[in-house]
Amino acid sequence: MIDAALIQKCADPSLKPAIVERFIAAAGSSDPLSMTVRSGDRVVLVAPAKTPKEAMALARQYVGKAAVRAGITQYPAGLGVTDVAELKPGLFEACANISMGTVLFAKVYRIVTKWYGTPTDEAFDDAIDAWKSGYFEGKYIFGESDPGEVKLAAPKADDKPAEGNPNPDPTAAAPADPNKAGIRIDLSGIGGAK
């Protein structure tokens, strides 16, 4: 869970704090040094960075060769970059990443809401999907122009993520970590005794 004071200080003021919390819970990470690298539909496993300098070095290694998402908001690191030297230094700093990420997400959310024609909860879900994939209705969402002032759906009381569930469902699946690969092929039968 991201500190509410950090959200209040750093997030785009056009988004309500509850929306920012939902956005980070659905598409982001609690670790400012986190990085997700995808090549096509495959996740590239990278060693977790211990410092912002290490994280930036890893990002520079993959930007231009794969889709790199960085920091708390999983900001698209290569967006608008023609050379890895142009990578934004705030990618792995919590406040700067929240600021950059929420400004861009607000634009995505406005584009999707405008497409719906009215503020709806489905627009938020589709905006999250567009944020994760980079596409909405077959168009590269980050390259689309900002529609400007669009009324967004007001967060409901239950939209705020709970800080702790007093009665967790033990049968509920844990959220998948894109930086960890599961077993893809059962190798238990190879080289076994007969």
N, C-alpha and C. Protein backbone atom coordinates (compact mmCIF):
# COMPACT_ATOMS: atom_id res chain seq x y z
N MET A 1 0.84 -1.17 0.00
CA MET A 1 0.00 0.00 0.00
C MET A 1 0.89 1.24 0.00
N ILE A 2 0.60 2.16 -0.85
CA ILE A 2 1.36 3.41 -0.95
C ILE A 2 0.81 4.40 0.07
N ASP A 3 1.70 5.13 0.70
CA ASP A 3 1.33 6.11 1.70
C ASP A 3 0.42 7.18 1.10
N ALA A 4 -0.68 7.47 1.79
CA ALA A 4 -1.65 8.46 1.30
C ALA A 4 -1.02 9.85 1.18
N ALA A 5 -0.10 10.19 2.08
CA ALA A 5 0.56 11.50 2.01
C ALA A 5 1.41 11.61 0.74
N LEU A 6 2.05 10.51 0.35
CA LEU A 6 2.86 10.50 -0.87
C LEU A 6 1.96 10.68 -2.10
N ILE A 7 0.82 10.04 -2.09
CA ILE A 7 -0.13 10.20 -3.20
C ILE A 7 -0.63 11.64 -3.25
N GLN A 8 -1.00 12.19 -2.10
CA GLN A 8 -1.50 13.56 -2.04
C GLN A 8 -0.44 14.54 -2.57
N LYS A 9 0.81 14.31 -2.21
CA LYS A 9 1.91 15.22 -2.59
C LYS A 9 2.30 15.08 -4.06
N CYS A 10 2.31 13.86 -4.57
CA CYS A 10 2.95 13.59 -5.87
C CYS A 10 2.00 13.32 -7.03
N ALA A 11 0.81 12.83 -6.77
CA ALA A 11 -0.08 12.40 -7.85
C ALA A 11 -0.68 13.57 -8.62
N ASP A 12 -1.08 13.29 -9.85
CA ASP A 12 -1.76 14.28 -10.68
C ASP A 12 -3.03 14.74 -9.95
N PRO A 13 -3.18 16.05 -9.74
CA PRO A 13 -4.34 16.54 -8.99
C PRO A 13 -5.68 16.34 -9.71
N SER A 14 -5.65 16.00 -11.00
CA SER A 14 -6.91 15.77 -11.70
C SER A 14 -7.53 14.42 -11.34
N LEU A 15 -6.74 13.56 -10.67
CA LEU A 15 -7.25 12.26 -10.23
C LEU A 15 -7.47 12.29 -8.72
N LYS A 16 -8.60 11.77 -8.27
CA LYS A 16 -8.86 11.69 -6.84
C LYS A 16 -7.92 10.65 -6.23
N PRO A 17 -7.49 10.85 -4.99
CA PRO A 17 -6.59 9.89 -4.35
C PRO A 17 -7.09 8.44 -4.39
N ALA A 18 -8.40 8.23 -4.25
CA ALA A 18 -8.94 6.86 -4.30
C ALA A 18 -8.71 6.23 -5.67
N ILE A 19 -8.81 7.03 -6.73
CA ILE A 19 -8.55 6.52 -8.09
C ILE A 19 -7.07 6.17 -8.23
N VAL A 20 -6.20 7.02 -7.70
CA VAL A 20 -4.76 6.76 -7.77
C VAL A 20 -4.43 5.47 -7.02
N GLU A 21 -5.03 5.28 -5.84
CA GLU A 21 -4.80 4.05 -5.09
C GLU A 21 -5.27 2.83 -5.87
N ARG A 22 -6.45 2.93 -6.48
CA ARG A 22 -6.96 1.80 -7.29
C ARG A 22 -6.04 1.53 -8.47
N PHE A 23 -5.56 2.60 -9.12
CA PHE A 23 -4.66 2.46 -10.26
C PHE A 23 -3.38 1.74 -9.85
N ILE A 24 -2.76 2.18 -8.76
CA ILE A 24 -1.50 1.56 -8.33
C ILE A 24 -1.74 0.12 -7.88
N ALA A 25 -2.85 -0.13 -7.19
CA ALA A 25 -3.16 -1.49 -6.76
C ALA A 25 -3.38 -2.42 -7.95
N ALA A 26 -4.01 -1.91 -9.01
CA ALA A 26 -4.34 -2.75 -10.17
C ALA A 26 -3.20 -2.89 -11.16
N ALA A 27 -2.39 -1.85 -11.32
CA ALA A 27 -1.40 -1.88 -12.40
C ALA A 27 0.03 -1.60 -11.94
N GLY A 28 0.21 -1.23 -10.69
CA GLY A 28 1.52 -0.81 -10.24
C GLY A 28 2.20 -1.79 -9.31
N SER A 29 3.11 -1.23 -8.52
CA SER A 29 3.92 -2.01 -7.59
C SER A 29 4.16 -1.17 -6.35
N SER A 30 4.42 -1.80 -5.24
CA SER A 30 4.74 -1.05 -4.03
C SER A 30 6.23 -0.73 -3.95
N ASP A 31 7.02 -1.32 -4.83
CA ASP A 31 8.47 -1.14 -4.83
C ASP A 31 8.88 -0.11 -5.88
N PRO A 32 9.48 1.02 -5.46
CA PRO A 32 9.88 2.04 -6.44
C PRO A 32 10.98 1.56 -7.40
N LEU A 33 11.68 0.48 -7.05
CA LEU A 33 12.74 -0.04 -7.92
C LEU A 33 12.26 -1.20 -8.80
N SER A 34 10.98 -1.51 -8.75
CA SER A 34 10.48 -2.65 -9.53
C SER A 34 10.53 -2.35 -11.03
N MET A 35 10.71 -3.41 -11.77
CA MET A 35 10.77 -3.29 -13.23
C MET A 35 10.19 -4.56 -13.84
N THR A 36 9.37 -4.37 -14.85
CA THR A 36 8.83 -5.49 -15.61
C THR A 36 9.31 -5.32 -17.04
N VAL A 37 9.89 -6.38 -17.58
CA VAL A 37 10.41 -6.36 -18.94
C VAL A 37 9.66 -7.43 -19.73
N ARG A 38 9.05 -7.01 -20.83
CA ARG A 38 8.32 -7.94 -21.69
C ARG A 38 8.84 -7.85 -23.12
N SER A 39 9.01 -9.00 -23.70
CA SER A 39 9.39 -9.08 -25.11
C SER A 39 8.28 -9.85 -25.80
N GLY A 40 7.45 -9.14 -26.53
CA GLY A 40 6.26 -9.77 -27.11
C GLY A 40 5.32 -10.15 -25.99
N ASP A 41 4.93 -11.43 -25.94
CA ASP A 41 4.05 -11.87 -24.86
C ASP A 41 4.81 -12.60 -23.75
N ARG A 42 6.13 -12.49 -23.78
CA ARG A 42 6.96 -13.16 -22.78
C ARG A 42 7.51 -12.16 -21.76
N VAL A 43 7.55 -12.59 -20.52
CA VAL A 43 8.16 -11.79 -19.46
C VAL A 43 9.63 -12.18 -19.37
N VAL A 44 10.50 -11.18 -19.41
CA VAL A 44 11.93 -11.41 -19.27
C VAL A 44 12.26 -11.27 -17.79
N LEU A 45 12.84 -12.30 -17.22
CA LEU A 45 13.19 -12.25 -15.81
C LEU A 45 14.47 -11.44 -15.63
N VAL A 46 14.39 -10.42 -14.78
CA VAL A 46 15.56 -9.60 -14.48
C VAL A 46 15.79 -9.64 -12.98
N ALA A 47 17.05 -9.57 -12.60
CA ALA A 47 17.38 -9.56 -11.18
C ALA A 47 16.84 -8.28 -10.55
N PRO A 48 16.25 -8.37 -9.37
CA PRO A 48 15.73 -7.16 -8.73
C PRO A 48 16.87 -6.18 -8.42
N ALA A 49 16.64 -4.93 -8.73
CA ALA A 49 17.64 -3.90 -8.46
C ALA A 49 17.62 -3.54 -6.98
N LYS A 50 18.79 -3.23 -6.45
CA LYS A 50 18.90 -2.85 -5.05
C LYS A 50 19.02 -1.34 -4.87
N THR A 51 19.41 -0.64 -5.94
CA THR A 51 19.56 0.81 -5.88
C THR A 51 18.95 1.43 -7.13
N PRO A 52 18.60 2.72 -7.08
CA PRO A 52 18.09 3.38 -8.29
C PRO A 52 19.10 3.34 -9.44
N LYS A 53 20.37 3.39 -9.12
CA LYS A 53 21.41 3.34 -10.16
C LYS A 53 21.40 1.98 -10.87
N GLU A 54 21.27 0.90 -10.10
CA GLU A 54 21.18 -0.45 -10.69
C GLU A 54 19.92 -0.57 -11.55
N ALA A 55 18.81 -0.05 -11.05
CA ALA A 55 17.54 -0.12 -11.78
C ALA A 55 17.66 0.63 -13.11
N MET A 56 18.29 1.80 -13.09
CA MET A 56 18.46 2.58 -14.32
C MET A 56 19.36 1.84 -15.31
N ALA A 57 20.41 1.20 -14.81
CA ALA A 57 21.30 0.43 -15.69
C ALA A 57 20.52 -0.72 -16.35
N LEU A 58 19.67 -1.39 -15.59
CA LEU A 58 18.85 -2.47 -16.16
C LEU A 58 17.88 -1.92 -17.20
N ALA A 59 17.26 -0.81 -16.89
CA ALA A 59 16.32 -0.21 -17.84
C ALA A 59 17.05 0.15 -19.14
N ARG A 60 18.21 0.74 -19.03
CA ARG A 60 18.98 1.11 -20.22
C ARG A 60 19.36 -0.12 -21.05
N GLN A 61 19.56 -1.23 -20.37
CA GLN A 61 19.92 -2.47 -21.07
C GLN A 61 18.76 -2.98 -21.94
N TYR A 62 17.51 -2.78 -21.50
CA TYR A 62 16.38 -3.37 -22.20
C TYR A 62 15.53 -2.40 -23.02
N VAL A 63 15.54 -1.11 -22.70
CA VAL A 63 14.72 -0.16 -23.46
C VAL A 63 15.17 -0.16 -24.92
N GLY A 64 14.21 -0.23 -25.81
CA GLY A 64 14.50 -0.30 -27.25
C GLY A 64 14.52 -1.72 -27.77
N LYS A 65 14.67 -2.69 -26.85
CA LYS A 65 14.68 -4.10 -27.23
C LYS A 65 13.45 -4.82 -26.72
N ALA A 66 12.84 -4.28 -25.66
CA ALA A 66 11.66 -4.88 -25.04
C ALA A 66 10.85 -3.77 -24.38
N ALA A 67 9.63 -4.10 -23.99
CA ALA A 67 8.79 -3.14 -23.27
C ALA A 67 9.20 -3.16 -21.81
N VAL A 68 9.61 -2.00 -21.30
CA VAL A 68 10.08 -1.90 -19.92
C VAL A 68 9.11 -1.02 -19.14
N ARG A 69 8.60 -1.55 -18.04
CA ARG A 69 7.73 -0.80 -17.14
C ARG A 69 8.49 -0.60 -15.84
N ALA A 70 8.43 0.64 -15.30
CA ALA A 70 9.30 0.99 -14.19
C ALA A 70 8.57 1.59 -13.01
N GLY A 71 9.02 1.24 -11.82
CA GLY A 71 8.63 1.90 -10.59
C GLY A 71 7.24 1.58 -10.09
N ILE A 72 6.77 2.43 -9.21
CA ILE A 72 5.49 2.23 -8.52
C ILE A 72 4.32 2.17 -9.50
N THR A 73 4.31 3.03 -10.50
CA THR A 73 3.19 3.05 -11.44
C THR A 73 3.42 2.15 -12.65
N GLN A 74 4.57 1.50 -12.70
CA GLN A 74 4.94 0.69 -13.87
C GLN A 74 4.85 1.55 -15.13
N TYR A 75 5.46 2.72 -15.05
CA TYR A 75 5.50 3.70 -16.14
C TYR A 75 6.24 3.11 -17.34
N PRO A 76 5.75 3.31 -18.56
CA PRO A 76 6.45 2.80 -19.74
C PRO A 76 7.77 3.56 -19.95
N ALA A 77 8.87 2.93 -19.56
CA ALA A 77 10.17 3.60 -19.49
C ALA A 77 10.64 4.18 -20.83
N GLY A 78 10.35 3.53 -21.92
CA GLY A 78 10.84 3.98 -23.21
C GLY A 78 9.94 4.98 -23.92
N LEU A 79 8.89 5.43 -23.27
CA LEU A 79 7.93 6.35 -23.89
C LEU A 79 8.59 7.67 -24.25
N GLY A 80 8.59 7.99 -25.55
CA GLY A 80 9.16 9.24 -26.03
C GLY A 80 10.67 9.29 -26.05
N VAL A 81 11.31 8.16 -25.84
CA VAL A 81 12.77 8.10 -25.77
C VAL A 81 13.32 7.57 -27.09
N THR A 82 14.27 8.29 -27.67
CA THR A 82 14.92 7.80 -28.89
C THR A 82 16.30 7.25 -28.59
N ASP A 83 16.84 7.57 -27.42
CA ASP A 83 18.15 7.09 -27.00
C ASP A 83 18.07 6.78 -25.52
N VAL A 84 18.70 5.69 -25.07
CA VAL A 84 18.61 5.31 -23.66
C VAL A 84 19.17 6.37 -22.72
N ALA A 85 20.02 7.24 -23.22
CA ALA A 85 20.55 8.33 -22.39
C ALA A 85 19.44 9.32 -22.01
N GLU A 86 18.32 9.29 -22.75
CA GLU A 86 17.21 10.20 -22.49
C GLU A 86 16.25 9.69 -21.43
N LEU A 87 16.50 8.50 -20.87
CA LEU A 87 15.60 7.97 -19.85
C LEU A 87 15.48 8.94 -18.69
N LYS A 88 14.27 9.09 -18.20
CA LYS A 88 14.00 10.05 -17.13
C LYS A 88 14.63 9.57 -15.82
N PRO A 89 15.38 10.44 -15.15
CA PRO A 89 16.03 10.02 -13.91
C PRO A 89 15.05 9.69 -12.79
N GLY A 90 13.83 10.19 -12.84
CA GLY A 90 12.85 9.92 -11.79
C GLY A 90 12.10 8.61 -11.93
N LEU A 91 12.44 7.81 -12.93
CA LEU A 91 11.71 6.55 -13.13
C LEU A 91 11.66 5.70 -11.87
N PHE A 92 12.75 5.70 -11.12
CA PHE A 92 12.84 4.83 -9.95
C PHE A 92 12.85 5.60 -8.63
N GLU A 93 12.36 6.83 -8.66
CA GLU A 93 12.18 7.63 -7.45
C GLU A 93 10.67 7.71 -7.23
N ALA A 94 10.23 7.35 -6.03
CA ALA A 94 8.80 7.16 -5.75
C ALA A 94 7.94 8.35 -6.16
N CYS A 95 8.24 9.54 -5.69
CA CYS A 95 7.37 10.69 -5.96
C CYS A 95 7.36 11.05 -7.44
N ALA A 96 8.53 11.07 -8.07
CA ALA A 96 8.60 11.41 -9.50
C ALA A 96 7.86 10.37 -10.33
N ASN A 97 7.98 9.10 -9.98
CA ASN A 97 7.30 8.05 -10.73
C ASN A 97 5.79 8.17 -10.58
N ILE A 98 5.33 8.44 -9.36
CA ILE A 98 3.89 8.62 -9.15
C ILE A 98 3.40 9.81 -9.95
N SER A 99 4.17 10.88 -9.96
CA SER A 99 3.78 12.07 -10.71
C SER A 99 3.68 11.78 -12.21
N MET A 100 4.75 11.21 -12.79
CA MET A 100 4.75 10.90 -14.23
C MET A 100 3.66 9.90 -14.57
N GLY A 101 3.56 8.85 -13.76
CA GLY A 101 2.61 7.78 -14.03
C GLY A 101 1.17 8.22 -13.94
N THR A 102 0.84 9.03 -12.93
CA THR A 102 -0.56 9.45 -12.80
C THR A 102 -0.95 10.49 -13.83
N VAL A 103 0.00 11.32 -14.27
CA VAL A 103 -0.30 12.26 -15.36
C VAL A 103 -0.64 11.49 -16.63
N LEU A 104 0.16 10.47 -16.93
CA LEU A 104 -0.09 9.67 -18.14
C LEU A 104 -1.35 8.82 -17.98
N PHE A 105 -1.55 8.23 -16.79
CA PHE A 105 -2.76 7.43 -16.59
C PHE A 105 -4.01 8.30 -16.67
N ALA A 106 -3.95 9.52 -16.15
CA ALA A 106 -5.10 10.43 -16.23
C ALA A 106 -5.48 10.66 -17.69
N LYS A 107 -4.49 10.83 -18.54
CA LYS A 107 -4.75 11.01 -19.98
C LYS A 107 -5.42 9.75 -20.55
N VAL A 108 -4.88 8.58 -20.22
CA VAL A 108 -5.46 7.31 -20.70
C VAL A 108 -6.90 7.18 -20.21
N TYR A 109 -7.12 7.47 -18.95
CA TYR A 109 -8.46 7.37 -18.36
C TYR A 109 -9.43 8.33 -19.04
N ARG A 110 -8.98 9.55 -19.35
CA ARG A 110 -9.85 10.51 -20.05
C ARG A 110 -10.18 10.04 -21.47
N ILE A 111 -9.21 9.48 -22.17
CA ILE A 111 -9.44 8.97 -23.53
C ILE A 111 -10.49 7.86 -23.50
N VAL A 112 -10.33 6.93 -22.57
CA VAL A 112 -11.26 5.80 -22.47
C VAL A 112 -12.65 6.29 -22.05
N THR A 113 -12.71 7.18 -21.08
CA THR A 113 -14.00 7.71 -20.63
C THR A 113 -14.70 8.46 -21.75
N LYS A 114 -13.95 9.23 -22.52
CA LYS A 114 -14.54 9.96 -23.65
C LYS A 114 -15.11 8.97 -24.67
N TRP A 115 -14.43 7.87 -24.90
CA TRP A 115 -14.90 6.85 -25.83
C TRP A 115 -16.24 6.28 -25.34
N TYR A 116 -16.38 6.07 -24.03
CA TYR A 116 -17.63 5.57 -23.46
C TYR A 116 -18.75 6.61 -23.57
N GLY A 117 -18.39 7.88 -23.56
CA GLY A 117 -19.38 8.94 -23.66
C GLY A 117 -19.88 9.46 -22.33
N THR A 118 -19.83 8.63 -21.30
CA THR A 118 -20.22 9.04 -19.95
C THR A 118 -19.27 8.37 -18.96
N PRO A 119 -19.11 8.97 -17.77
CA PRO A 119 -18.25 8.34 -16.76
C PRO A 119 -18.86 7.03 -16.27
N THR A 120 -18.14 5.94 -16.42
CA THR A 120 -18.61 4.63 -15.96
C THR A 120 -17.46 3.90 -15.28
N ASP A 121 -17.82 2.92 -14.45
CA ASP A 121 -16.80 2.10 -13.80
C ASP A 121 -16.05 1.25 -14.81
N GLU A 122 -16.73 0.87 -15.89
CA GLU A 122 -16.07 0.07 -16.93
C GLU A 122 -14.94 0.85 -17.58
N ALA A 123 -15.07 2.16 -17.64
CA ALA A 123 -14.01 2.97 -18.24
C ALA A 123 -12.72 2.85 -17.44
N PHE A 124 -12.82 2.79 -16.12
CA PHE A 124 -11.61 2.62 -15.30
C PHE A 124 -10.96 1.27 -15.61
N ASP A 125 -11.76 0.20 -15.64
CA ASP A 125 -11.22 -1.13 -15.93
C ASP A 125 -10.56 -1.17 -17.30
N ASP A 126 -11.20 -0.58 -18.29
CA ASP A 126 -10.61 -0.54 -19.63
C ASP A 126 -9.37 0.34 -19.67
N ALA A 127 -9.35 1.40 -18.87
CA ALA A 127 -8.16 2.27 -18.80
C ALA A 127 -6.99 1.49 -18.20
N ILE A 128 -7.26 0.67 -17.20
CA ILE A 128 -6.20 -0.17 -16.62
C ILE A 128 -5.68 -1.15 -17.67
N ASP A 129 -6.59 -1.78 -18.41
CA ASP A 129 -6.16 -2.70 -19.47
C ASP A 129 -5.34 -1.96 -20.53
N ALA A 130 -5.78 -0.76 -20.89
CA ALA A 130 -5.04 0.04 -21.87
C ALA A 130 -3.68 0.43 -21.33
N TRP A 131 -3.60 0.77 -20.05
CA TRP A 131 -2.31 1.12 -19.43
C TRP A 131 -1.35 -0.06 -19.50
N LYS A 132 -1.86 -1.24 -19.18
CA LYS A 132 -1.00 -2.43 -19.16
C LYS A 132 -0.54 -2.83 -20.55
N SER A 133 -1.45 -2.76 -21.54
CA SER A 133 -1.12 -3.23 -22.89
C SER A 133 -0.54 -2.13 -23.77
N GLY A 134 -0.92 -0.89 -23.49
CA GLY A 134 -0.51 0.23 -24.34
C GLY A 134 -1.48 0.47 -25.48
N TYR A 135 -2.55 -0.30 -25.54
CA TYR A 135 -3.50 -0.18 -26.65
C TYR A 135 -4.93 -0.10 -26.15
N PHE A 136 -5.73 0.69 -26.89
CA PHE A 136 -7.17 0.76 -26.65
C PHE A 136 -7.85 0.90 -27.99
N GLU A 137 -8.80 0.02 -28.25
CA GLU A 137 -9.53 0.01 -29.51
C GLU A 137 -8.57 -0.02 -30.71
N GLY A 138 -7.50 -0.81 -30.56
CA GLY A 138 -6.56 -1.01 -31.66
C GLY A 138 -5.57 0.12 -31.89
N LYS A 139 -5.59 1.14 -31.03
CA LYS A 139 -4.68 2.28 -31.20
C LYS A 139 -3.71 2.34 -30.04
N TYR A 140 -2.49 2.78 -30.33
CA TYR A 140 -1.48 2.96 -29.30
C TYR A 140 -1.92 4.12 -28.41
N ILE A 141 -2.35 3.81 -27.20
CA ILE A 141 -3.00 4.79 -26.33
C ILE A 141 -2.07 5.91 -25.90
N PHE A 142 -0.80 5.63 -25.71
CA PHE A 142 0.12 6.66 -25.23
C PHE A 142 0.43 7.69 -26.31
N GLY A 143 0.19 7.35 -27.56
CA GLY A 143 0.42 8.27 -28.66
C GLY A 143 -0.79 9.11 -29.03
N GLU A 144 -1.93 8.79 -28.44
CA GLU A 144 -3.16 9.54 -28.72
C GLU A 144 -3.11 10.90 -28.03
N SER A 145 -3.82 11.86 -28.61
CA SER A 145 -3.85 13.19 -27.99
C SER A 145 -4.82 13.20 -26.82
N ASP A 146 -4.51 14.03 -25.83
CA ASP A 146 -5.33 14.15 -24.63
C ASP A 146 -6.62 14.88 -24.98
N PRO A 147 -7.78 14.31 -24.65
CA PRO A 147 -9.05 14.97 -24.98
C PRO A 147 -9.34 16.19 -24.11
N GLY A 148 -8.52 16.45 -23.13
CA GLY A 148 -8.75 17.60 -22.26
C GLY A 148 -9.72 17.29 -21.15
N GLU A 149 -10.52 18.24 -20.79
CA GLU A 149 -11.44 18.09 -19.65
C GLU A 149 -12.53 17.07 -19.97
N VAL A 150 -12.52 15.97 -19.20
CA VAL A 150 -13.53 14.92 -19.32
C VAL A 150 -13.93 14.55 -17.90
N LYS A 151 -15.23 14.49 -17.63
CA LYS A 151 -15.70 14.11 -16.30
C LYS A 151 -15.45 12.62 -16.11
N LEU A 152 -14.72 12.30 -15.03
CA LEU A 152 -14.41 10.91 -14.72
C LEU A 152 -15.38 10.38 -13.67
N ALA A 153 -15.55 9.07 -13.63
CA ALA A 153 -16.44 8.46 -12.66
C ALA A 153 -15.93 8.73 -11.25
N ALA A 154 -16.83 9.08 -10.36
CA ALA A 154 -16.47 9.32 -8.96
C ALA A 154 -16.21 7.98 -8.28
N PRO A 155 -15.15 7.91 -7.50
CA PRO A 155 -14.88 6.64 -6.81
C PRO A 155 -15.96 6.36 -5.77
N LYS A 156 -16.37 5.10 -5.69
CA LYS A 156 -17.35 4.70 -4.69
C LYS A 156 -16.62 4.45 -3.38
N ALA A 157 -17.38 4.35 -2.30
CA ALA A 157 -16.78 4.14 -0.98
C ALA A 157 -15.96 2.86 -0.94
N ASP A 158 -16.40 1.84 -1.68
CA ASP A 158 -15.67 0.57 -1.65
C ASP A 158 -14.56 0.50 -2.70
N ASP A 159 -14.30 1.60 -3.42
CA ASP A 159 -13.24 1.61 -4.42
C ASP A 159 -11.85 1.65 -3.79
N LYS A 160 -11.77 2.16 -2.56
CA LYS A 160 -10.47 2.28 -1.91
C LYS A 160 -10.00 0.90 -1.49
N PRO A 161 -8.78 0.50 -1.87
CA PRO A 161 -8.29 -0.81 -1.48
C PRO A 161 -8.19 -0.92 0.04
N ALA A 162 -8.56 -2.05 0.57
CA ALA A 162 -8.49 -2.26 2.01
C ALA A 162 -7.04 -2.43 2.44
N GLU A 163 -6.71 -1.91 3.60
CA GLU A 163 -5.34 -2.02 4.11
C GLU A 163 -5.09 -3.42 4.63
N GLY A 164 -6.09 -4.10 5.06
CA GLY A 164 -5.95 -5.46 5.54
C GLY A 164 -7.31 -6.10 5.59
N ASN A 165 -7.43 -7.29 5.08
CA ASN A 165 -8.71 -7.98 5.07
C ASN A 165 -8.79 -8.83 6.33
N PRO A 166 -9.74 -8.53 7.25
CA PRO A 166 -9.81 -9.29 8.49
C PRO A 166 -10.23 -10.74 8.27
N ASN A 167 -10.91 -11.05 7.18
CA ASN A 167 -11.34 -12.41 6.87
C ASN A 167 -10.88 -12.79 5.47
N PRO A 168 -9.58 -13.00 5.29
CA PRO A 168 -9.11 -13.33 3.94
C PRO A 168 -9.64 -14.68 3.48
N ASP A 169 -9.89 -14.77 2.20
CA ASP A 169 -10.38 -16.01 1.60
C ASP A 169 -9.17 -16.88 1.27
N PRO A 170 -8.96 -17.99 1.98
CA PRO A 170 -7.78 -18.81 1.72
C PRO A 170 -7.80 -19.49 0.35
N THR A 171 -8.98 -19.55 -0.28
CA THR A 171 -9.05 -20.18 -1.59
C THR A 171 -8.80 -19.20 -2.72
N ALA A 172 -8.75 -17.90 -2.39
CA ALA A 172 -8.53 -16.89 -3.43
C ALA A 172 -7.09 -16.98 -3.92
N ALA A 173 -6.94 -16.84 -5.22
CA ALA A 173 -5.60 -16.90 -5.82
C ALA A 173 -4.85 -15.62 -5.52
N ALA A 174 -3.56 -15.75 -5.23
CA ALA A 174 -2.72 -14.57 -5.02
C ALA A 174 -2.47 -13.90 -6.36
N PRO A 175 -2.30 -12.57 -6.38
CA PRO A 175 -2.03 -11.90 -7.65
C PRO A 175 -0.71 -12.39 -8.23
N ALA A 176 -0.71 -12.57 -9.54
CA ALA A 176 0.48 -13.07 -10.22
C ALA A 176 1.56 -12.00 -10.23
N ASP A 177 2.78 -12.39 -9.94
CA ASP A 177 3.92 -11.48 -10.01
C ASP A 177 4.55 -11.67 -11.39
N PRO A 178 4.54 -10.63 -12.24
CA PRO A 178 5.07 -10.79 -13.58
C PRO A 178 6.58 -11.02 -13.61
N ASN A 179 7.27 -10.83 -12.47
CA ASN A 179 8.71 -11.02 -12.43
C ASN A 179 9.10 -12.43 -12.00
N LYS A 180 8.12 -13.29 -11.74
CA LYS A 180 8.40 -14.66 -11.33
C LYS A 180 7.74 -15.61 -12.32
N ALA A 181 8.49 -16.57 -12.78
CA ALA A 181 7.95 -17.53 -13.73
C ALA A 181 7.53 -18.79 -12.99
N GLY A 182 6.44 -19.36 -13.41
CA GLY A 182 6.00 -20.63 -12.84
C GLY A 182 6.58 -21.78 -13.65
N ILE A 183 6.27 -22.99 -13.23
CA ILE A 183 6.75 -24.16 -13.97
C ILE A 183 5.96 -24.24 -15.26
N ARG A 184 6.67 -24.34 -16.36
CA ARG A 184 6.00 -24.38 -17.65
C ARG A 184 6.01 -25.79 -18.26
N ILE A 185 7.02 -26.59 -17.90
CA ILE A 185 7.12 -27.95 -18.43
C ILE A 185 7.47 -28.87 -17.27
N ASP A 186 6.77 -29.97 -17.16
CA ASP A 186 7.04 -30.93 -16.11
C ASP A 186 8.25 -31.76 -16.52
N LEU A 187 9.36 -31.55 -15.82
CA LEU A 187 10.61 -32.25 -16.14
C LEU A 187 10.85 -33.42 -15.19
N SER A 188 9.88 -33.75 -14.37
CA SER A 188 10.08 -34.78 -13.37
C SER A 188 10.34 -36.17 -13.95
N GLY A 189 9.88 -36.42 -15.16
CA GLY A 189 10.07 -37.73 -15.75
C GLY A 189 11.39 -37.91 -16.48
N ILE A 190 12.17 -36.87 -16.64
CA ILE A 190 13.45 -36.95 -17.35
C ILE A 190 14.53 -37.50 -16.44
N GLY A 191 15.18 -38.53 -16.91
CA GLY A 191 16.32 -39.10 -16.16
C GLY A 191 15.92 -39.84 -14.91
N GLY A 192 14.66 -40.17 -14.76
CA GLY A 192 14.20 -40.87 -13.57
C GLY A 192 14.51 -42.36 -13.65
N ALA A 193 14.54 -43.03 -12.52
CA ALA A 193 14.79 -44.47 -12.47
C ALA A 193 13.57 -45.20 -12.99
N LYS A 194 13.81 -46.35 -13.63
CA LYS A 194 12.71 -47.14 -14.19
C LYS A 194 12.38 -48.29 -13.31
